Protein backbone atom coordinates (compact mmCIF):
# COMPACT_ATOMS: atom_id res chain seq x y z
CA UNK A 1 -6.21 18.87 -124.86
CA UNK A 2 -9.24 20.93 -124.91
CA UNK A 3 -11.90 19.69 -122.51
CA UNK A 4 -15.40 20.60 -121.54
CA UNK A 5 -17.03 19.30 -118.42
CA UNK A 6 -20.77 19.32 -118.07
CA UNK A 7 -21.82 18.91 -114.42
CA UNK A 8 -25.11 18.46 -113.04
CA UNK A 9 -24.13 18.32 -109.34
CA UNK A 10 -21.25 16.96 -107.26
CA UNK A 11 -19.70 20.35 -107.34
CA UNK A 12 -17.03 19.71 -104.61
CA UNK A 13 -15.78 16.68 -106.54
CA UNK A 14 -15.92 18.17 -110.10
CA UNK A 15 -14.32 21.48 -109.16
CA UNK A 16 -11.33 19.84 -107.62
CA UNK A 17 -10.98 17.62 -110.73
CA UNK A 18 -11.21 20.52 -113.17
CA UNK A 19 -8.68 22.44 -111.30
CA UNK A 20 -6.12 19.72 -111.50
CA UNK A 21 -6.92 19.02 -115.12
CA UNK A 22 -6.31 22.58 -115.97
CA UNK A 23 -2.67 22.20 -114.86
CA UNK A 24 -2.00 20.59 -118.24
CA UNK A 25 -5.22 21.07 -120.34
CA UNK A 26 -7.46 23.78 -121.51
CA UNK A 27 -10.60 23.18 -119.35
CA UNK A 28 -14.06 24.72 -119.46
CA UNK A 29 -16.46 23.80 -116.61
CA UNK A 30 -20.31 24.15 -117.20
CA UNK A 31 -22.76 23.81 -114.37
CA UNK A 32 -26.22 22.89 -115.42
CA UNK A 33 -29.18 23.67 -113.31
CA UNK A 34 -32.77 24.49 -113.45
CA UNK A 35 -35.00 26.93 -111.59
CA UNK A 36 -34.10 29.79 -109.24
CA UNK A 37 -31.37 28.19 -106.92
CA UNK A 38 -28.45 25.87 -107.41
CA UNK A 39 -27.49 24.15 -104.14
CA UNK A 40 -24.95 21.47 -104.55
CA UNK A 41 -22.46 20.77 -101.83
CA UNK A 42 -20.22 23.79 -101.84
CA UNK A 43 -22.45 25.84 -103.95
CA UNK A 44 -25.51 27.86 -103.00
CA UNK A 45 -26.32 30.23 -105.84
CA UNK A 46 -29.41 32.52 -106.09
CA UNK A 47 -29.87 32.50 -109.85
CA UNK A 48 -33.16 34.67 -110.13
CA UNK A 49 -31.37 37.45 -111.78
CA UNK A 50 -29.37 35.15 -114.20
CA UNK A 51 -31.00 34.88 -117.71
CA UNK A 52 -31.90 31.36 -118.87
CA UNK A 53 -29.50 29.67 -121.13
CA UNK A 54 -25.68 29.63 -121.06
CA UNK A 55 -23.68 32.45 -119.33
CA UNK A 56 -20.02 32.40 -120.39
CA UNK A 57 -19.07 35.94 -119.34
CA UNK A 58 -16.51 35.50 -116.67
CA UNK A 59 -17.23 38.78 -114.95
CA UNK A 60 -20.95 37.57 -114.54
CA UNK A 61 -20.05 34.24 -113.30
CA UNK A 62 -17.59 35.60 -110.76
CA UNK A 63 -20.40 37.39 -109.04
CA UNK A 64 -21.84 33.88 -108.08
CA UNK A 65 -18.76 31.93 -107.25
CA UNK A 66 -17.53 33.97 -104.41
CA UNK A 67 -14.08 35.05 -103.35
CA UNK A 68 -13.16 31.73 -101.53
CA UNK A 69 -13.73 29.53 -104.55
CA UNK A 70 -12.39 32.03 -107.01
CA UNK A 71 -9.10 32.10 -104.91
CA UNK A 72 -9.08 28.26 -105.00
CA UNK A 73 -9.49 28.05 -108.86
CA UNK A 74 -6.90 30.74 -109.43
CA UNK A 75 -8.15 31.59 -112.72
CA UNK A 76 -6.89 28.28 -114.22
CA UNK A 77 -9.99 27.32 -116.02
CA UNK A 78 -13.16 28.90 -117.53
CA UNK A 79 -16.37 28.28 -115.39
CA UNK A 80 -19.77 28.86 -117.06
CA UNK A 81 -23.34 28.53 -115.76
CA UNK A 82 -26.26 27.18 -117.85
CA UNK A 83 -29.63 27.96 -116.28
CA UNK A 84 -32.53 25.83 -117.68
CA UNK A 85 -36.23 26.92 -117.04
CA UNK A 86 -37.30 23.63 -115.54
CA UNK A 87 -36.18 20.03 -115.02
CA UNK A 88 -38.81 18.56 -117.38
CA UNK A 89 -37.84 16.62 -120.53
CA UNK A 90 -41.12 14.70 -121.11
CA UNK A 91 -43.50 17.77 -120.64
CA UNK A 92 -41.32 20.42 -122.23
CA UNK A 93 -44.27 21.49 -124.40
CA UNK A 94 -42.69 24.73 -125.42
CA UNK A 95 -39.22 23.23 -125.88
CA UNK A 96 -37.74 25.94 -123.68
CA UNK A 97 -35.56 23.33 -121.92
CA UNK A 98 -34.47 21.79 -125.27
CA UNK A 99 -33.72 25.17 -126.78
CA UNK A 100 -31.37 25.99 -123.85
CA UNK A 101 -29.53 22.63 -124.15
CA UNK A 102 -29.20 23.12 -127.88
CA UNK A 103 -27.51 26.52 -127.11
CA UNK A 104 -24.95 24.86 -124.77
CA UNK A 105 -24.37 22.14 -127.35
CA UNK A 106 -23.87 24.72 -130.06
CA UNK A 107 -21.25 26.45 -127.69
CA UNK A 108 -19.40 23.05 -127.18
CA UNK A 109 -19.31 22.40 -130.99
CA UNK A 110 -18.35 25.91 -132.05
CA UNK A 111 -15.38 25.86 -129.59
CA UNK A 112 -14.08 22.58 -131.06
CA UNK A 113 -13.48 20.80 -127.80
CA UNK A 114 -11.68 17.45 -127.99
CA UNK A 115 -13.91 15.52 -125.52
CA UNK A 116 -16.93 16.32 -123.42
CA UNK A 117 -17.21 14.77 -119.87
CA UNK A 118 -20.61 14.62 -118.22
CA UNK A 119 -20.62 14.34 -114.54
CA UNK A 120 -23.72 13.52 -112.52
CA UNK A 121 -27.19 12.53 -113.24
CA UNK A 122 -29.87 14.49 -115.29
CA UNK A 123 -32.58 13.67 -117.84
CA UNK A 124 -31.11 16.57 -120.01
CA UNK A 125 -28.31 13.90 -120.95
CA UNK A 126 -30.98 12.78 -123.54
CA UNK A 127 -30.85 16.34 -125.20
CA UNK A 128 -27.05 16.43 -124.99
CA UNK A 129 -26.74 13.12 -126.63
CA UNK A 130 -28.97 14.19 -129.42
CA UNK A 131 -27.05 17.36 -130.15
CA UNK A 132 -23.56 16.10 -129.76
CA UNK A 133 -23.61 12.97 -132.00
CA UNK A 134 -20.26 11.82 -133.03
CA UNK A 135 -18.28 13.73 -130.23
CA UNK A 136 -16.09 11.74 -127.98
CA UNK A 137 -17.88 11.46 -124.65
CA UNK A 138 -17.11 10.39 -121.08
CA UNK A 139 -19.70 9.97 -118.27
CA UNK A 140 -19.15 9.78 -114.55
CA UNK A 141 -22.30 8.18 -113.17
CA UNK A 142 -21.87 8.61 -109.31
CA UNK A 143 -24.88 6.49 -108.25
CA UNK A 144 -25.70 3.71 -110.67
CA UNK A 145 -28.40 2.59 -108.34
CA UNK A 146 -30.61 4.53 -105.90
CA UNK A 147 -29.68 4.35 -102.26
CA UNK A 148 -31.83 2.32 -100.03
CA UNK A 149 -34.79 4.46 -98.79
CA UNK A 150 -34.34 6.59 -101.92
CA UNK A 151 -35.44 4.34 -104.72
CA UNK A 152 -36.83 5.98 -107.68
CA UNK A 153 -37.66 4.22 -111.01
CA UNK A 154 -36.68 7.24 -113.39
CA UNK A 155 -32.98 7.37 -112.50
CA UNK A 156 -32.75 3.56 -112.79
CA UNK A 157 -34.36 3.52 -116.27
CA UNK A 158 -32.22 6.53 -117.48
CA UNK A 159 -29.02 5.08 -116.15
CA UNK A 160 -29.85 1.77 -118.05
CA UNK A 161 -30.35 3.82 -121.18
CA UNK A 162 -27.10 5.89 -120.79
CA UNK A 163 -25.12 2.75 -120.09
CA UNK A 164 -26.00 1.49 -123.64
CA UNK A 165 -24.60 4.66 -125.31
CA UNK A 166 -21.20 5.06 -126.87
CA UNK A 167 -19.35 6.61 -123.98
CA UNK A 168 -16.39 5.81 -121.81
CA UNK A 169 -17.55 5.58 -118.16
CA UNK A 170 -15.84 6.49 -115.02
CA UNK A 171 -16.56 4.96 -111.49
CA UNK A 172 -14.77 5.93 -108.35
CA UNK A 173 -14.01 2.48 -106.94
CA UNK A 174 -13.19 -0.91 -108.50
CA UNK A 175 -16.17 -2.24 -106.47
CA UNK A 176 -18.46 0.24 -108.36
CA UNK A 177 -16.85 -0.34 -111.89
CA UNK A 178 -17.77 -4.14 -111.50
CA UNK A 179 -21.13 -3.58 -110.11
CA UNK A 180 -22.06 -1.08 -112.79
CA UNK A 181 -20.62 -3.44 -115.42
CA UNK A 182 -22.43 -6.42 -114.25
CA UNK A 183 -25.77 -4.72 -113.53
CA UNK A 184 -26.16 -3.00 -116.83
CA UNK A 185 -24.21 -5.50 -118.96
CA UNK A 186 -21.66 -2.76 -120.15
CA UNK A 187 -18.47 -3.63 -121.92
CA UNK A 188 -16.01 -3.82 -119.16
CA UNK A 189 -13.34 -2.06 -121.43
CA UNK A 190 -15.53 0.97 -121.45
CA UNK A 191 -15.72 1.29 -117.73
CA UNK A 192 -12.72 2.84 -115.76
CA UNK A 193 -11.96 3.25 -112.14
CA UNK A 194 -10.70 6.68 -111.24
CA UNK A 195 -10.62 7.50 -107.66
CA UNK A 196 -11.86 10.70 -106.07
CA UNK A 197 -9.19 12.60 -104.17
CA UNK A 198 -9.54 14.56 -100.96
CA UNK A 199 -12.16 17.33 -101.49
CA UNK A 200 -9.59 20.10 -100.80
CA UNK A 201 -11.76 22.77 -101.97
CA UNK A 202 -13.27 22.96 -98.60
CA UNK A 203 -10.01 24.18 -97.13
CA UNK A 204 -10.52 27.34 -99.04
CA UNK A 205 -13.62 28.11 -96.61
CA UNK A 206 -11.41 27.86 -93.44
CA UNK A 207 -11.42 31.49 -92.18
CA UNK A 208 -9.95 30.75 -88.67
CA UNK A 209 -8.13 27.94 -87.05
CA UNK A 210 -10.45 26.05 -84.61
CA UNK A 211 -8.90 23.72 -81.91
CA UNK A 212 -9.68 20.01 -82.11
CA UNK A 213 -11.78 18.67 -79.33
CA UNK A 214 -10.25 15.26 -78.07
CA UNK A 215 -13.70 13.76 -77.13
CA UNK A 216 -15.89 14.97 -80.04
CA UNK A 217 -17.12 12.79 -82.84
CA UNK A 218 -18.98 14.18 -85.93
CA UNK A 219 -21.66 12.91 -88.35
CA UNK A 220 -22.33 15.38 -91.14
CA UNK A 221 -24.18 15.42 -94.41
CA UNK A 222 -27.55 14.93 -95.85
CA UNK A 223 -29.58 12.81 -93.36
CA UNK A 224 -31.05 9.92 -95.20
CA UNK A 225 -32.02 6.32 -94.08
CA UNK A 226 -28.98 4.68 -95.76
CA UNK A 227 -26.74 6.91 -93.73
CA UNK A 228 -27.36 4.66 -90.62
CA UNK A 229 -27.52 7.49 -88.14
CA UNK A 230 -29.97 5.26 -85.88
CA UNK A 231 -27.08 2.98 -85.27
CA UNK A 232 -24.73 5.91 -84.25
CA UNK A 233 -27.38 7.18 -81.80
CA UNK A 234 -27.76 3.61 -80.33
CA UNK A 235 -23.95 3.45 -79.97
CA UNK A 236 -23.43 6.88 -78.18
CA UNK A 237 -24.70 5.75 -74.62
CA UNK A 238 -22.46 2.77 -74.67
CA UNK A 239 -19.53 4.73 -75.64
CA UNK A 240 -20.23 7.38 -72.90
CA UNK A 241 -19.94 4.43 -70.22
CA UNK A 242 -16.39 4.32 -71.18
CA UNK A 243 -15.75 7.98 -72.29
CA UNK A 244 -18.17 10.15 -70.13
CA UNK A 245 -17.01 13.35 -71.87
CA UNK A 246 -18.01 12.12 -75.36
CA UNK A 247 -19.78 14.74 -77.49
CA UNK A 248 -21.59 13.59 -80.70
CA UNK A 249 -22.23 16.42 -83.23
CA UNK A 250 -24.89 15.66 -85.91
CA UNK A 251 -24.90 18.19 -88.66
CA UNK A 252 -27.22 18.19 -91.77
CA UNK A 253 -30.68 18.57 -93.16
CA UNK A 254 -33.13 15.68 -92.91
CA UNK A 255 -35.41 13.84 -90.53
CA UNK A 256 -33.53 12.62 -87.36
CA UNK A 257 -36.66 11.26 -85.66
CA UNK A 258 -35.17 11.59 -82.23
CA UNK A 259 -35.82 14.00 -79.44
CA UNK A 260 -32.46 15.49 -78.52
CA UNK A 261 -33.87 18.05 -75.82
CA UNK A 262 -31.79 18.29 -72.63
CA UNK A 263 -29.47 15.65 -74.06
CA UNK A 264 -26.07 17.17 -73.34
CA UNK A 265 -23.94 14.53 -75.10
CA UNK A 266 -25.32 15.66 -78.61
CA UNK A 267 -24.91 18.95 -80.50
CA UNK A 268 -27.42 19.15 -83.29
CA UNK A 269 -27.47 21.30 -86.42
CA UNK A 270 -30.48 20.04 -88.15
CA UNK A 271 -30.39 22.22 -91.35
CA UNK A 272 -28.41 22.79 -94.54
CA UNK A 273 -24.83 23.33 -93.31
CA UNK A 274 -22.88 26.30 -94.88
CA UNK A 275 -19.25 25.75 -95.98
CA UNK A 276 -17.96 27.96 -93.22
CA UNK A 277 -20.02 26.05 -90.56
CA UNK A 278 -19.12 22.55 -91.72
CA UNK A 279 -15.21 23.35 -91.82
CA UNK A 280 -15.51 24.62 -88.31
CA UNK A 281 -17.28 21.44 -87.25
CA UNK A 282 -14.72 19.20 -88.96
CA UNK A 283 -11.81 21.09 -87.34
CA UNK A 284 -13.50 20.55 -83.86
CA UNK A 285 -14.04 16.75 -84.28
CA UNK A 286 -11.42 14.10 -83.39
CA UNK A 287 -12.95 11.50 -85.66
CA UNK A 288 -15.76 11.56 -88.41
CA UNK A 289 -18.24 8.63 -88.27
CA UNK A 290 -19.93 7.09 -91.35
CA UNK A 291 -22.31 4.27 -89.96
CA UNK A 292 -23.71 3.70 -93.48
CA UNK A 293 -25.94 0.69 -94.38
CA UNK A 294 -24.87 0.88 -97.99
CA UNK A 295 -22.90 3.33 -100.04
CA UNK A 296 -21.46 4.06 -103.52
CA UNK A 297 -19.12 7.06 -103.30
CA UNK A 298 -18.82 9.13 -100.08
CA UNK A 299 -18.14 12.88 -100.39
CA UNK A 300 -18.24 12.93 -96.59
CA UNK A 301 -15.22 10.53 -96.39
CA UNK A 302 -13.17 12.50 -98.92
CA UNK A 303 -14.02 15.84 -97.16
CA UNK A 304 -12.86 14.19 -93.90
CA UNK A 305 -9.60 13.11 -95.64
CA UNK A 306 -9.07 16.74 -96.84
CA UNK A 307 -8.71 17.75 -93.23
CA UNK A 308 -6.66 14.52 -92.39
CA UNK A 309 -9.47 13.35 -90.03
CA UNK A 310 -9.52 9.64 -89.12
CA UNK A 311 -12.91 8.00 -89.75
CA UNK A 312 -15.01 5.07 -88.22
CA UNK A 313 -16.87 3.84 -91.37
CA UNK A 314 -19.11 0.88 -92.37
CA UNK A 315 -17.40 -1.51 -94.61
CA UNK A 316 -19.78 -1.12 -97.52
CA UNK A 317 -19.63 -0.27 -101.19
CA UNK A 318 -16.21 1.11 -102.15
CA UNK A 319 -15.35 2.49 -98.78
CA UNK A 320 -12.96 -0.25 -97.95
CA UNK A 321 -10.83 0.72 -100.92
CA UNK A 322 -9.94 3.95 -99.45
CA UNK A 323 -10.16 3.35 -95.65
CA UNK A 324 -7.43 1.01 -94.55
CA UNK A 325 -8.47 -0.51 -91.29
CA UNK A 326 -6.23 0.64 -88.44
CA UNK A 327 -4.29 2.72 -90.86
CA UNK A 328 -6.50 5.56 -92.00
CA UNK A 329 -9.53 4.81 -89.76
CA UNK A 330 -11.57 1.90 -88.57
CA UNK A 331 -13.78 -0.30 -90.65
CA UNK A 332 -16.96 -1.89 -89.00
CA UNK A 333 -19.74 -4.13 -90.33
CA UNK A 334 -22.86 -2.24 -91.27
CA UNK A 335 -25.59 -2.33 -88.57
CA UNK A 336 -23.34 -3.57 -86.04
CA UNK A 337 -23.80 -1.22 -83.05
CA UNK A 338 -21.28 -3.01 -80.78
CA UNK A 339 -18.58 -2.89 -83.39
CA UNK A 340 -19.28 0.75 -83.82
CA UNK A 341 -18.88 1.28 -80.07
CA UNK A 342 -15.75 -0.51 -79.96
CA UNK A 343 -14.13 1.32 -82.90
CA UNK A 344 -15.22 4.67 -81.58
CA UNK A 345 -13.68 4.06 -78.15
CA UNK A 346 -10.43 2.63 -79.77
CA UNK A 347 -9.91 6.02 -81.69
CA UNK A 348 -11.15 8.43 -79.09
CA UNK A 349 -9.32 6.83 -76.33
CA UNK A 350 -5.91 6.75 -78.31
CA UNK A 351 -4.59 10.07 -79.32
CA UNK A 352 -1.36 8.63 -80.48
CA UNK A 353 -3.25 6.29 -82.83
CA UNK A 354 -5.21 9.15 -84.28
CA UNK A 355 -2.04 11.22 -84.83
CA UNK A 356 -0.46 8.37 -86.77
CA UNK A 357 -3.65 8.00 -88.86
CA UNK A 358 -3.60 11.63 -89.65
CA UNK A 359 -0.10 11.33 -91.26
CA UNK A 360 -1.14 8.16 -93.04
CA UNK A 361 -4.15 9.95 -94.59
CA UNK A 362 -1.90 12.83 -95.67
CA UNK A 363 0.50 10.29 -97.29
CA UNK A 364 -2.33 8.38 -98.99
CA UNK A 365 -3.67 11.82 -100.33
CA UNK A 366 -0.41 12.95 -101.56
CA UNK A 367 0.58 9.70 -103.32
CA UNK A 368 -1.05 6.87 -105.31
CA UNK A 369 -4.63 6.49 -106.31
CA UNK A 370 -6.01 9.37 -104.04
CA UNK A 371 -3.47 12.03 -105.31
CA UNK A 372 -5.06 14.64 -107.61
CA UNK A 373 -2.04 14.49 -109.79
CA UNK A 374 -2.55 10.72 -110.32
CA UNK A 375 -6.33 11.23 -110.70
CA UNK A 376 -5.87 13.94 -113.32
CA UNK A 377 -3.54 11.62 -115.35
CA UNK A 378 -5.96 8.67 -115.20
CA UNK A 379 -8.84 11.01 -116.36
CA UNK A 380 -6.76 12.14 -119.23
CA UNK A 381 -6.13 8.55 -120.29
CA UNK A 382 -9.86 8.01 -120.32
CA UNK A 383 -10.27 10.84 -122.44
CA UNK A 384 -7.51 9.72 -124.77
CA UNK A 385 -9.47 6.40 -125.15
CA UNK A 386 -12.70 8.22 -125.90
CA UNK A 387 -10.75 10.09 -128.73
CA UNK A 388 -9.39 6.95 -130.20
CA UNK A 389 -13.00 5.43 -130.01
């Protein structure tokens, strides 16, 4: 099958998927961005010297992807970069954005791809739909609703519009498939659960082995209200009563709203975390903490699994589908500080239990719904359905 994936973000997820699809199919991955810089999870590209429009020349693209990512991909797929002048679709008076999207669409049509798979959210989807009429389409919408504290009307309205189009849709959990179907009134036969596997691409950025610290917990990722960091900060003093050597690392950009000066139990990295920095922090940590108040898909969770790290996570959204309590981590009710305290103490204080969980995570990611081989097969089945439609 000849597949083109058009990705607006979620680079860590879509790169892993594209690599494993390319084991049996002809895959082209196009990253679509606007402006001078493309910063999405593992990618941080300065694009000022790249012309607007679609760049397909692989020698030029390799200048941006870097050696670690190139080694991970192994030449198994074609990667392209589409740089659009701005994000605007309403005020695109000179039609510069529309012209760029039309160029990409023409490339897709001229190369006779069997199916196009859109991944992520963008207003540019309106242009693509216009220029790719009649072509089989699949769409992975990662956040069908905005997270709490990040409510915006435009994504909600556009997702409602996209849900009415003649696409096959992918969601990463059964919970999300049902929620997406119910909220937008989509035909359930068009919505498919395909899990996300461990974001193994991060392993390609490990340059040295870092020893695990037995009393260190890690919270990482973009800091936003729904991530529940306030509940973790409230839990740490109670955990230290039982485990005085506890260290809590907080790593990510965003407002923390806490003064950590002279607070030795914390290690703060309040900035955008590079790939090399985050893999070192993950290696150091004994457990990863996700005290979220709500969630859809969690890239943090699947990155933790890529390093076989047990997690303490809130039982929200689809997380209980991939975290098995007392098997691959601990599940706690959201906003429950005492439950969070107990779960952290349970894992930090029990090295044998953590080691068992690491083996369970490896098994879960090698077999079943979380294995990339299974995920690639399930995705291909969705493509086949789009083709039949």
